[in-house]
Amino acid sequence: QVQLVESGGGLVQTGGSLRLSCIASGRAISDDTMGWYRQAPDNGTEFLAMISGFGLTTYSDRVKGQATISRDNTQNAVFLQMHKLTLDDSSVYYCKSCHTQSWGPGTQVTVSS
């Protein structure tokens, strides 16, 4: 089993940037496809981006050009860099291992005007 913990959320002004981190423990995630999601207004989850073990990336149309997903296997971590944040980007952001279907507890991002 893998445990995931997100960090890097907080309060940011519109137009600002954030770098979210997801640190894994319990097993190596270097071969896992990892994803970033956020809570949607209807309390569902909105897919944002994913990165394969080979480093191939996929983005939702919503964040394409605004977000960059990356990973550092030496840290057993994945990251999500977001810029030009808007009020609509306020949410709880989660990382997920697509291999184990494990989720982290999430990190709150609040964008203020």
C-alpha atoms as a PDB file:
ATOM      1  CA  GLN A   1       0.000   0.000   0.000  1.00  0.00           C
ATOM      2  CA  VAL A   2       1.150   3.535  -0.626  1.00  0.00           C
ATOM      3  CA  GLN A   3       0.424   6.595   1.463  1.00  0.00           C
ATOM      4  CA  LEU A   4       0.181   9.945  -0.276  1.00  0.00           C
ATOM      5  CA  VAL A   5       0.379  13.362   1.333  1.00  0.00           C
ATOM      6  CA  GLU A   6      -0.199  16.583  -0.544  1.00  0.00           C
ATOM      7  CA  SER A   7       1.208  19.957   0.426  1.00  0.00           C
ATOM      8  CA  GLY A   8       1.768  23.378  -1.016  1.00  0.00           C
ATOM      9  CA  GLY A   9      -1.762  24.671  -0.899  1.00  0.00           C
ATOM     10  CA  GLY A  10      -2.705  27.947   0.664  1.00  0.00           C
ATOM     11  CA  LEU A  11      -4.012  31.396  -0.084  1.00  0.00           C
ATOM     12  CA  VAL A  12      -2.943  33.028  -3.310  1.00  0.00           C
ATOM     13  CA  GLN A  13      -4.129  36.054  -5.234  1.00  0.00           C
ATOM     14  CA  THR A  14      -5.660  35.847  -8.668  1.00  0.00           C
ATOM     15  CA  GLY A  15      -2.989  35.642 -11.304  1.00  0.00           C
ATOM     16  CA  GLY A  16      -0.578  34.003  -8.911  1.00  0.00           C
ATOM     17  CA  SER A  17       1.112  30.619  -8.975  1.00  0.00           C
ATOM     18  CA  LEU A  18       1.392  27.566  -6.771  1.00  0.00           C
ATOM     19  CA  ARG A  19       3.456  24.401  -6.739  1.00  0.00           C
ATOM     20  CA  LEU A  20       1.706  21.465  -5.140  1.00  0.00           C
ATOM     21  CA  SER A  21       3.654  18.471  -3.927  1.00  0.00           C
ATOM     22  CA  CYS A  22       2.592  14.890  -3.348  1.00  0.00           C
ATOM     23  CA  ILE A  23       4.997  12.785  -1.334  1.00  0.00           C
ATOM     24  CA  ALA A  24       4.546   9.034  -1.343  1.00  0.00           C
ATOM     25  CA  SER A  25       5.598   6.568   1.316  1.00  0.00           C
ATOM     26  CA  GLY A  26       5.239   2.850   1.810  1.00  0.00           C
ATOM     27  CA  ARG A  27       6.405   1.895  -1.648  1.00  0.00           C
ATOM     28  CA  ALA A  28       8.124   3.428  -4.616  1.00  0.00           C
ATOM     29  CA  ILE A  29       5.842   5.128  -7.129  1.00  0.00           C
ATOM     30  CA  SER A  30       8.416   5.471  -9.872  1.00  0.00           C
ATOM     31  CA  ASP A  31       6.534   3.060 -12.131  1.00  0.00           C
ATOM     32  CA  ASP A  32       3.070   4.318 -11.240  1.00  0.00           C
ATOM     33  CA  THR A  33       0.932   6.603 -13.273  1.00  0.00           C
ATOM     34  CA  MET A  34       0.080   9.421 -10.903  1.00  0.00           C
ATOM     35  CA  GLY A  35      -2.711  11.925 -11.210  1.00  0.00           C
ATOM     36  CA  TRP A  36      -3.819  15.263  -9.815  1.00  0.00           C
ATOM     37  CA  TYR A  37      -7.484  15.979  -9.237  1.00  0.00           C
ATOM     38  CA  ARG A  38      -9.516  18.569  -7.428  1.00  0.00           C
ATOM     39  CA  GLN A  39     -12.902  18.680  -5.841  1.00  0.00           C
ATOM     40  CA  ALA A  40     -15.516  19.842  -8.303  1.00  0.00           C
ATOM     41  CA  PRO A  41     -18.378  22.215  -7.380  1.00  0.00           C
ATOM     42  CA  ASP A  42     -20.817  19.278  -7.334  1.00  0.00           C
ATOM     43  CA  ASN A  43     -18.494  17.519  -4.829  1.00  0.00           C
ATOM     44  CA  GLY A  44     -17.263  15.115  -7.459  1.00  0.00           C
ATOM     45  CA  THR A  45     -13.672  15.039  -8.556  1.00  0.00           C
ATOM     46  CA  GLU A  46     -12.280  16.865 -11.539  1.00  0.00           C
ATOM     47  CA  PHE A  47      -9.319  15.348 -13.353  1.00  0.00           C
ATOM     48  CA  LEU A  48      -6.493  17.780 -13.931  1.00  0.00           C
ATOM     49  CA  ALA A  49      -3.380  15.967 -15.072  1.00  0.00           C
ATOM     50  CA  MET A  50      -1.521  12.686 -14.991  1.00  0.00           C
ATOM     51  CA  ILE A  51       2.009  11.514 -15.550  1.00  0.00           C
ATOM     52  CA  SER A  52       3.097   7.991 -16.415  1.00  0.00           C
ATOM     53  CA  GLY A  53       6.090   6.184 -15.070  1.00  0.00           C
ATOM     54  CA  PHE A  54       7.811   7.060 -18.338  1.00  0.00           C
ATOM     55  CA  GLY A  55       7.051  10.744 -17.839  1.00  0.00           C
ATOM     56  CA  LEU A  56       4.295  11.013 -20.413  1.00  0.00           C
ATOM     57  CA  THR A  57       1.806  13.677 -19.421  1.00  0.00           C
ATOM     58  CA  THR A  58      -1.883  14.220 -20.023  1.00  0.00           C
ATOM     59  CA  TYR A  59      -3.889  17.314 -19.122  1.00  0.00           C
ATOM     60  CA  SER A  60      -7.547  18.153 -19.001  1.00  0.00           C
ATOM     61  CA  ASP A  61      -8.650  20.808 -21.446  1.00  0.00           C
ATOM     62  CA  ARG A  62      -9.520  22.959 -18.441  1.00  0.00           C
ATOM     63  CA  VAL A  63      -5.912  23.287 -17.211  1.00  0.00           C
ATOM     64  CA  LYS A  64      -3.932  22.650 -20.373  1.00  0.00           C
ATOM     65  CA  GLY A  65      -1.465  25.496 -20.673  1.00  0.00           C
ATOM     66  CA  GLN A  66      -2.044  26.535 -17.067  1.00  0.00           C
ATOM     67  CA  ALA A  67      -0.654  23.511 -15.246  1.00  0.00           C
ATOM     68  CA  THR A  68       2.501  21.425 -15.416  1.00  0.00           C
ATOM     69  CA  ILE A  69       2.750  18.003 -13.820  1.00  0.00           C
ATOM     70  CA  SER A  70       6.151  16.552 -13.039  1.00  0.00           C
ATOM     71  CA  ARG A  71       7.744  13.890 -10.910  1.00  0.00           C
ATOM     72  CA  ASP A  72      10.964  13.299  -9.044  1.00  0.00           C
ATOM     73  CA  ASN A  73      11.515   9.637  -8.415  1.00  0.00           C
ATOM     74  CA  THR A  74      14.438  10.355  -6.089  1.00  0.00           C
ATOM     75  CA  GLN A  75      11.945  12.088  -3.802  1.00  0.00           C
ATOM     76  CA  ASN A  76       9.165   9.585  -4.523  1.00  0.00           C
ATOM     77  CA  ALA A  77       7.050  12.576  -5.385  1.00  0.00           C
ATOM     78  CA  VAL A  78       4.906  14.213  -8.014  1.00  0.00           C
ATOM     79  CA  PHE A  79       4.232  17.902  -8.406  1.00  0.00           C
ATOM     80  CA  LEU A  80       1.669  20.176  -9.968  1.00  0.00           C
ATOM     81  CA  GLN A  81       2.670  23.676 -10.909  1.00  0.00           C
ATOM     82  CA  MET A  82      -0.210  26.000 -11.654  1.00  0.00           C
ATOM     83  CA  HIS A  83      -0.035  29.609 -12.749  1.00  0.00           C
ATOM     84  CA  LYS A  84      -2.437  32.382 -13.681  1.00  0.00           C
ATOM     85  CA  LEU A  85      -4.787  31.170 -10.969  1.00  0.00           C
ATOM     86  CA  THR A  86      -8.381  32.341 -11.007  1.00  0.00           C
ATOM     87  CA  LEU A  87     -11.144  32.254  -8.417  1.00  0.00           C
ATOM     88  CA  ASP A  88     -12.438  29.094 -10.093  1.00  0.00           C
ATOM     89  CA  ASP A  89      -9.212  27.311  -9.170  1.00  0.00           C
ATOM     90  CA  SER A  90     -10.111  27.434  -5.471  1.00  0.00           C
ATOM     91  CA  SER A  91     -10.601  23.848  -4.369  1.00  0.00           C
ATOM     92  CA  VAL A  92      -9.119  20.916  -2.520  1.00  0.00           C
ATOM     93  CA  TYR A  93      -6.413  19.320  -4.640  1.00  0.00           C
ATOM     94  CA  TYR A  94      -5.657  15.623  -4.441  1.00  0.00           C
ATOM     95  CA  CYS A  95      -3.051  13.318  -5.855  1.00  0.00           C
ATOM     96  CA  LYS A  96      -3.807   9.739  -6.710  1.00  0.00           C
ATOM     97  CA  SER A  97      -1.892   6.642  -7.582  1.00  0.00           C
ATOM     98  CA  CYS A  98      -3.626   5.153 -10.589  1.00  0.00           C
ATOM     99  CA  HIS A  99      -1.833   1.894  -9.822  1.00  0.00           C
ATOM    100  CA  THR A 100      -3.068   1.385  -6.272  1.00  0.00           C
ATOM    101  CA  GLN A 101      -6.105   3.702  -6.471  1.00  0.00           C
ATOM    102  CA  SER A 102      -4.779   5.434  -3.345  1.00  0.00           C
ATOM    103  CA  TRP A 103      -5.640   9.062  -2.643  1.00  0.00           C
ATOM    104  CA  GLY A 104      -4.020  11.620  -0.429  1.00  0.00           C
ATOM    105  CA  PRO A 105      -6.067  13.691   2.054  1.00  0.00           C
ATOM    106  CA  GLY A 106      -5.823  16.752  -0.159  1.00  0.00           C
ATOM    107  CA  THR A 107      -4.496  20.276   0.168  1.00  0.00           C
ATOM    108  CA  GLN A 108      -6.696  23.376   0.117  1.00  0.00           C
ATOM    109  CA  VAL A 109      -6.042  26.053  -2.463  1.00  0.00           C
ATOM    110  CA  THR A 110      -7.876  29.329  -2.029  1.00  0.00           C
ATOM    111  CA  VAL A 111      -7.587  32.020  -4.662  1.00  0.00           C
ATOM    112  CA  SER A 112      -8.623  35.500  -3.625  1.00  0.00           C
ATOM    113  CA  SER A 113      -9.162  38.659  -5.612  1.00  0.00           C
END
